[in-house]
Amino acid sequence: MSKFPERLKELRLEKNLTQQQLSIDLNCKITQPCIVMWEQGKRIPTLDALILLAQYFGVSIDYLAGLQDFK
């Protein structure tokens, strides 16, 4: 999932969201510190978190994970 950090940040910035605002939009199911760690590549998300992010951004889990290049 080496592309995940850059994909997450790219999608977040496309929506002009801060990490804190993304957390709030997700009803705080994912905390801002988790988002920071993911974008820095220091942690990887759980499957549940990937599903939540994919649904929120309207992309596939494969796109988030870097397994495909199209949304």
PDB file of N, CA and C in Angstrom:
ATOM      1  N   MET A   1       0.824  -1.185   0.000  1.00  0.00           N
ATOM      2  CA  MET A   1       0.000   0.000   0.000  1.00  0.00           C
ATOM      3  C   MET A   1       0.870   1.252   0.000  1.00  0.00           C
ATOM      4  N   SER A   2       1.951   1.203  -0.713  1.00  0.00           N
ATOM      5  CA  SER A   2       2.880   2.328  -0.703  1.00  0.00           C
ATOM      6  C   SER A   2       2.288   3.600  -1.320  1.00  0.00           C
ATOM      7  N   LYS A   3       1.286   3.477  -2.172  1.00  0.00           N
ATOM      8  CA  LYS A   3       0.675   4.656  -2.762  1.00  0.00           C
ATOM      9  C   LYS A   3      -0.451   5.217  -1.901  1.00  0.00           C
ATOM     10  N   PHE A   4      -0.875   4.476  -0.898  1.00  0.00           N
ATOM     11  CA  PHE A   4      -1.998   4.921  -0.082  1.00  0.00           C
ATOM     12  C   PHE A   4      -1.794   6.307   0.522  1.00  0.00           C
ATOM     13  N   PRO A   5      -0.644   6.592   1.148  1.00  0.00           N
ATOM     14  CA  PRO A   5      -0.493   7.923   1.750  1.00  0.00           C
ATOM     15  C   PRO A   5      -0.699   9.073   0.761  1.00  0.00           C
ATOM     16  N   GLU A   6      -0.120   8.952  -0.416  1.00  0.00           N
ATOM     17  CA  GLU A   6      -0.266  10.033  -1.393  1.00  0.00           C
ATOM     18  C   GLU A   6      -1.675  10.096  -1.965  1.00  0.00           C
ATOM     19  N   ARG A   7      -2.313   8.939  -2.148  1.00  0.00           N
ATOM     20  CA  ARG A   7      -3.680   8.925  -2.662  1.00  0.00           C
ATOM     21  C   ARG A   7      -4.642   9.565  -1.661  1.00  0.00           C
ATOM     22  N   LEU A   8      -4.498   9.232  -0.396  1.00  0.00           N
ATOM     23  CA  LEU A   8      -5.371   9.799   0.623  1.00  0.00           C
ATOM     24  C   LEU A   8      -5.216  11.318   0.664  1.00  0.00           C
ATOM     25  N   LYS A   9      -3.990  11.783   0.686  1.00  0.00           N
ATOM     26  CA  LYS A   9      -3.744  13.226   0.744  1.00  0.00           C
ATOM     27  C   LYS A   9      -4.284  13.914  -0.512  1.00  0.00           C
ATOM     28  N   GLU A  10      -4.067  13.308  -1.658  1.00  0.00           N
ATOM     29  CA  GLU A  10      -4.554  13.865  -2.924  1.00  0.00           C
ATOM     30  C   GLU A  10      -6.078  14.017  -2.906  1.00  0.00           C
ATOM     31  N   LEU A  11      -6.766  12.977  -2.482  1.00  0.00           N
ATOM     32  CA  LEU A  11      -8.230  13.016  -2.442  1.00  0.00           C
ATOM     33  C   LEU A  11      -8.728  14.047  -1.435  1.00  0.00           C
ATOM     34  N   ARG A  12      -8.067  14.114  -0.302  1.00  0.00           N
ATOM     35  CA  ARG A  12      -8.456  15.081   0.732  1.00  0.00           C
ATOM     36  C   ARG A  12      -8.288  16.509   0.222  1.00  0.00           C
ATOM     37  N   LEU A  13      -7.153  16.771  -0.415  1.00  0.00           N
ATOM     38  CA  LEU A  13      -6.886  18.116  -0.908  1.00  0.00           C
ATOM     39  C   LEU A  13      -7.792  18.495  -2.089  1.00  0.00           C
ATOM     40  N   GLU A  14      -8.182  17.508  -2.898  1.00  0.00           N
ATOM     41  CA  GLU A  14      -9.117  17.778  -3.996  1.00  0.00           C
ATOM     42  C   GLU A  14     -10.436  18.330  -3.467  1.00  0.00           C
ATOM     43  N   LYS A  15     -10.808  17.909  -2.266  1.00  0.00           N
ATOM     44  CA  LYS A  15     -12.043  18.395  -1.634  1.00  0.00           C
ATOM     45  C   LYS A  15     -11.776  19.601  -0.726  1.00  0.00           C
ATOM     46  N   ASN A  16     -10.542  20.093  -0.753  1.00  0.00           N
ATOM     47  CA  ASN A  16     -10.151  21.241   0.078  1.00  0.00           C
ATOM     48  C   ASN A  16     -10.446  21.008   1.558  1.00  0.00           C
ATOM     49  N   LEU A  17     -10.112  19.820   2.034  1.00  0.00           N
ATOM     50  CA  LEU A  17     -10.351  19.466   3.429  1.00  0.00           C
ATOM     51  C   LEU A  17      -9.055  19.437   4.218  1.00  0.00           C
ATOM     52  N   THR A  18      -9.135  19.893   5.456  1.00  0.00           N
ATOM     53  CA  THR A  18      -8.026  19.669   6.377  1.00  0.00           C
ATOM     54  C   THR A  18      -8.178  18.247   6.911  1.00  0.00           C
ATOM     55  N   GLN A  19      -7.150  17.767   7.555  1.00  0.00           N
ATOM     56  CA  GLN A  19      -7.248  16.443   8.180  1.00  0.00           C
ATOM     57  C   GLN A  19      -8.333  16.444   9.245  1.00  0.00           C
ATOM     58  N   GLN A  20      -8.433  17.529   9.990  1.00  0.00           N
ATOM     59  CA  GLN A  20      -9.447  17.651  11.037  1.00  0.00           C
ATOM     60  C   GLN A  20     -10.850  17.639  10.435  1.00  0.00           C
ATOM     61  N   GLN A  21     -11.041  18.369   9.330  1.00  0.00           N
ATOM     62  CA  GLN A  21     -12.365  18.414   8.701  1.00  0.00           C
ATOM     63  C   GLN A  21     -12.755  17.053   8.147  1.00  0.00           C
ATOM     64  N   LEU A  22     -11.802  16.319   7.596  1.00  0.00           N
ATOM     65  CA  LEU A  22     -12.089  14.974   7.108  1.00  0.00           C
ATOM     66  C   LEU A  22     -12.560  14.103   8.262  1.00  0.00           C
ATOM     67  N   SER A  23     -11.893  14.180   9.381  1.00  0.00           N
ATOM     68  CA  SER A  23     -12.295  13.412  10.557  1.00  0.00           C
ATOM     69  C   SER A  23     -13.720  13.764  10.975  1.00  0.00           C
ATOM     70  N   ILE A  24     -14.026  15.050  10.994  1.00  0.00           N
ATOM     71  CA  ILE A  24     -15.372  15.505  11.369  1.00  0.00           C
ATOM     72  C   ILE A  24     -16.399  15.001  10.359  1.00  0.00           C
ATOM     73  N   ASP A  25     -16.088  15.093   9.066  1.00  0.00           N
ATOM     74  CA  ASP A  25     -17.005  14.620   8.028  1.00  0.00           C
ATOM     75  C   ASP A  25     -17.289  13.133   8.157  1.00  0.00           C
ATOM     76  N   LEU A  26     -16.338  12.393   8.699  1.00  0.00           N
ATOM     77  CA  LEU A  26     -16.508  10.946   8.891  1.00  0.00           C
ATOM     78  C   LEU A  26     -17.078  10.638  10.275  1.00  0.00           C
ATOM     79  N   ASN A  27     -17.719  11.637  10.872  1.00  0.00           N
ATOM     80  CA  ASN A  27     -18.338  11.492  12.199  1.00  0.00           C
ATOM     81  C   ASN A  27     -17.342  11.017  13.242  1.00  0.00           C
ATOM     82  N   CYS A  28     -16.098  11.437  13.074  1.00  0.00           N
ATOM     83  CA  CYS A  28     -15.008  11.107  13.997  1.00  0.00           C
ATOM     84  C   CYS A  28     -14.783   9.595  14.145  1.00  0.00           C
ATOM     85  N   LYS A  29     -15.238   8.822  13.147  1.00  0.00           N
ATOM     86  CA  LYS A  29     -14.950   7.378  13.151  1.00  0.00           C
ATOM     87  C   LYS A  29     -13.474   7.140  12.875  1.00  0.00           C
ATOM     88  N   ILE A  30     -12.842   8.111  12.206  1.00  0.00           N
ATOM     89  CA  ILE A  30     -11.405   8.099  11.969  1.00  0.00           C
ATOM     90  C   ILE A  30     -10.875   9.401  12.560  1.00  0.00           C
ATOM     91  N   THR A  31      -9.927   9.303  13.451  1.00  0.00           N
ATOM     92  CA  THR A  31      -9.428  10.499  14.116  1.00  0.00           C
ATOM     93  C   THR A  31      -8.402  11.234  13.260  1.00  0.00           C
ATOM     94  N   GLN A  32      -8.230  12.500  13.555  1.00  0.00           N
ATOM     95  CA  GLN A  32      -7.244  13.314  12.842  1.00  0.00           C
ATOM     96  C   GLN A  32      -5.834  12.753  13.011  1.00  0.00           C
ATOM     97  N   PRO A  33      -5.438  12.312  14.227  1.00  0.00           N
ATOM     98  CA  PRO A  33      -4.097  11.711  14.344  1.00  0.00           C
ATOM     99  C   PRO A  33      -3.905  10.468  13.463  1.00  0.00           C
ATOM    100  N   CYS A  34      -4.953   9.682  13.265  1.00  0.00           N
ATOM    101  CA  CYS A  34      -4.853   8.518  12.365  1.00  0.00           C
ATOM    102  C   CYS A  34      -4.595   8.983  10.938  1.00  0.00           C
ATOM    103  N   ILE A  35      -5.305  10.012  10.514  1.00  0.00           N
ATOM    104  CA  ILE A  35      -5.134  10.529   9.164  1.00  0.00           C
ATOM    105  C   ILE A  35      -3.708  11.029   8.969  1.00  0.00           C
ATOM    106  N   VAL A  36      -3.178  11.718   9.971  1.00  0.00           N
ATOM    107  CA  VAL A  36      -1.789  12.196   9.913  1.00  0.00           C
ATOM    108  C   VAL A  36      -0.835  11.020   9.720  1.00  0.00           C
ATOM    109  N   MET A  37      -0.980  10.001  10.542  1.00  0.00           N
ATOM    110  CA  MET A  37      -0.085   8.841  10.473  1.00  0.00           C
ATOM    111  C   MET A  37      -0.192   8.124   9.124  1.00  0.00           C
ATOM    112  N   TRP A  38      -1.410   8.013   8.602  1.00  0.00           N
ATOM    113  CA  TRP A  38      -1.589   7.373   7.299  1.00  0.00           C
ATOM    114  C   TRP A  38      -0.926   8.183   6.199  1.00  0.00           C
ATOM    115  N   GLU A  39      -1.135   9.508   6.207  1.00  0.00           N
ATOM    116  CA  GLU A  39      -0.555  10.348   5.163  1.00  0.00           C
ATOM    117  C   GLU A  39       0.968  10.390   5.243  1.00  0.00           C
ATOM    118  N   GLN A  40       1.511  10.163   6.417  1.00  0.00           N
ATOM    119  CA  GLN A  40       2.963  10.111   6.578  1.00  0.00           C
ATOM    120  C   GLN A  40       3.515   8.712   6.308  1.00  0.00           C
ATOM    121  N   GLY A  41       2.641   7.750   6.073  1.00  0.00           N
ATOM    122  CA  GLY A  41       3.071   6.387   5.805  1.00  0.00           C
ATOM    123  C   GLY A  41       3.573   5.650   7.036  1.00  0.00           C
ATOM    124  N   LYS A  42       3.210   6.134   8.217  1.00  0.00           N
ATOM    125  CA  LYS A  42       3.673   5.518   9.460  1.00  0.00           C
ATOM    126  C   LYS A  42       2.748   4.419   9.958  1.00  0.00           C
ATOM    127  N   ARG A  43       1.540   4.395   9.447  1.00  0.00           N
ATOM    128  CA  ARG A  43       0.566   3.352   9.797  1.00  0.00           C
ATOM    129  C   ARG A  43      -0.247   3.016   8.573  1.00  0.00           C
ATOM    130  N   ILE A  44      -0.855   1.836   8.593  1.00  0.00           N
ATOM    131  CA  ILE A  44      -1.754   1.453   7.511  1.00  0.00           C
ATOM    132  C   ILE A  44      -3.163   1.316   8.085  1.00  0.00           C
ATOM    133  N   PRO A  45      -4.165   1.635   7.290  1.00  0.00           N
ATOM    134  CA  PRO A  45      -5.535   1.578   7.789  1.00  0.00           C
ATOM    135  C   PRO A  45      -6.066   0.153   7.851  1.00  0.00           C
ATOM    136  N   THR A  46      -7.084  -0.024   8.677  1.00  0.00           N
ATOM    137  CA  THR A  46      -7.785  -1.297   8.730  1.00  0.00           C
ATOM    138  C   THR A  46      -8.683  -1.408   7.504  1.00  0.00           C
ATOM    139  N   LEU A  47      -9.194  -2.577   7.264  1.00  0.00           N
ATOM    140  CA  LEU A  47     -10.118  -2.775   6.151  1.00  0.00           C
ATOM    141  C   LEU A  47     -11.364  -1.916   6.346  1.00  0.00           C
ATOM    142  N   ASP A  48     -11.876  -1.854   7.564  1.00  0.00           N
ATOM    143  CA  ASP A  48     -13.051  -1.025   7.835  1.00  0.00           C
ATOM    144  C   ASP A  48     -12.785   0.439   7.503  1.00  0.00           C
ATOM    145  N   ALA A  49     -11.607   0.933   7.842  1.00  0.00           N
ATOM    146  CA  ALA A  49     -11.256   2.319   7.546  1.00  0.00           C
ATOM    147  C   ALA A  49     -11.136   2.528   6.038  1.00  0.00           C
ATOM    148  N   LEU A  50     -10.539   1.575   5.330  1.00  0.00           N
ATOM    149  CA  LEU A  50     -10.434   1.679   3.867  1.00  0.00           C
ATOM    150  C   LEU A  50     -11.814   1.745   3.219  1.00  0.00           C
ATOM    151  N   ILE A  51     -12.728   0.921   3.701  1.00  0.00           N
ATOM    152  CA  ILE A  51     -14.091   0.920   3.164  1.00  0.00           C
ATOM    153  C   ILE A  51     -14.748   2.271   3.400  1.00  0.00           C
ATOM    154  N   LEU A  52     -14.626   2.796   4.602  1.00  0.00           N
ATOM    155  CA  LEU A  52     -15.202   4.091   4.943  1.00  0.00           C
ATOM    156  C   LEU A  52     -14.631   5.200   4.053  1.00  0.00           C
ATOM    157  N   LEU A  53     -13.316   5.212   3.876  1.00  0.00           N
ATOM    158  CA  LEU A  53     -12.673   6.221   3.032  1.00  0.00           C
ATOM    159  C   LEU A  53     -13.092   6.083   1.569  1.00  0.00           C
ATOM    160  N   ALA A  54     -13.142   4.861   1.073  1.00  0.00           N
ATOM    161  CA  ALA A  54     -13.538   4.630  -0.320  1.00  0.00           C
ATOM    162  C   ALA A  54     -14.964   5.113  -0.561  1.00  0.00           C
ATOM    163  N   GLN A  55     -15.854   4.826   0.372  1.00  0.00           N
ATOM    164  CA  GLN A  55     -17.237   5.289   0.232  1.00  0.00           C
ATOM    165  C   GLN A  55     -17.314   6.813   0.295  1.00  0.00           C
ATOM    166  N   TYR A  56     -16.589   7.402   1.202  1.00  0.00           N
ATOM    167  CA  TYR A  56     -16.617   8.851   1.369  1.00  0.00           C
ATOM    168  C   TYR A  56     -16.121   9.564   0.106  1.00  0.00           C
ATOM    169  N   PHE A  57     -14.999   9.103  -0.443  1.00  0.00           N
ATOM    170  CA  PHE A  57     -14.412   9.761  -1.604  1.00  0.00           C
ATOM    171  C   PHE A  57     -14.983   9.263  -2.939  1.00  0.00           C
ATOM    172  N   GLY A  58     -15.778   8.200  -2.919  1.00  0.00           N
ATOM    173  CA  GLY A  58     -16.359   7.671  -4.145  1.00  0.00           C
ATOM    174  C   GLY A  58     -15.349   7.014  -5.054  1.00  0.00           C
ATOM    175  N   VAL A  59     -14.378   6.331  -4.450  1.00  0.00           N
ATOM    176  CA  VAL A  59     -13.352   5.618  -5.208  1.00  0.00           C
ATOM    177  C   VAL A  59     -13.323   4.164  -4.745  1.00  0.00           C
ATOM    178  N   SER A  60     -12.585   3.348  -5.462  1.00  0.00           N
ATOM    179  CA  SER A  60     -12.460   1.950  -5.067  1.00  0.00           C
ATOM    180  C   SER A  60     -11.328   1.781  -4.054  1.00  0.00           C
ATOM    181  N   ILE A  61     -11.393   0.713  -3.315  1.00  0.00           N
ATOM    182  CA  ILE A  61     -10.311   0.380  -2.390  1.00  0.00           C
ATOM    183  C   ILE A  61      -9.037   0.117  -3.190  1.00  0.00           C
ATOM    184  N   ASP A  62      -9.174  -0.481  -4.355  1.00  0.00           N
ATOM    185  CA  ASP A  62      -8.010  -0.726  -5.214  1.00  0.00           C
ATOM    186  C   ASP A  62      -7.317   0.584  -5.581  1.00  0.00           C
ATOM    187  N   TYR A  63      -8.094   1.625  -5.852  1.00  0.00           N
ATOM    188  CA  TYR A  63      -7.492   2.923  -6.167  1.00  0.00           C
ATOM    189  C   TYR A  63      -6.750   3.458  -4.940  1.00  0.00           C
ATOM    190  N   LEU A  64      -7.386   3.429  -3.783  1.00  0.00           N
ATOM    191  CA  LEU A  64      -6.749   3.912  -2.560  1.00  0.00           C
ATOM    192  C   LEU A  64      -5.448   3.185  -2.281  1.00  0.00           C
ATOM    193  N   ALA A  65      -5.446   1.886  -2.517  1.00  0.00           N
ATOM    194  CA  ALA A  65      -4.270   1.069  -2.220  1.00  0.00           C
ATOM    195  C   ALA A  65      -3.200   1.160  -3.307  1.00  0.00           C
ATOM    196  N   GLY A  66      -3.530   1.799  -4.426  1.00  0.00           N
ATOM    197  CA  GLY A  66      -2.562   1.922  -5.510  1.00  0.00           C
ATOM    198  C   GLY A  66      -2.517   0.737  -6.435  1.00  0.00           C
ATOM    199  N   LEU A  67      -3.568  -0.091  -6.408  1.00  0.00           N
ATOM    200  CA  LEU A  67      -3.613  -1.262  -7.287  1.00  0.00           C
ATOM    201  C   LEU A  67      -4.163  -0.931  -8.665  1.00  0.00           C
ATOM    202  N   GLN A  68      -4.811   0.218  -8.780  1.00  0.00           N
ATOM    203  CA  GLN A  68      -5.275   0.694 -10.086  1.00  0.00           C
ATOM    204  C   GLN A  68      -5.090   2.199 -10.114  1.00  0.00           C
ATOM    205  N   ASP A  69      -4.959   2.726 -11.325  1.00  0.00           N
ATOM    206  CA  ASP A  69      -4.649   4.144 -11.454  1.00  0.00           C
ATOM    207  C   ASP A  69      -5.845   5.019 -11.785  1.00  0.00           C
ATOM    208  N   PHE A  70      -7.013   4.432 -11.947  1.00  0.00           N
ATOM    209  CA  PHE A  70      -8.184   5.238 -12.244  1.00  0.00           C
ATOM    210  C   PHE A  70      -9.167   5.148 -11.077  1.00  0.00           C
ATOM    211  N   LYS A  71      -9.861   6.242 -10.856  1.00  0.00           N
ATOM    212  CA  LYS A  71     -10.799   6.322  -9.740  1.00  0.00           C
ATOM    213  C   LYS A  71     -12.037   5.571 -10.106  1.00  0.00           C
TER     214      LYS A  71
END
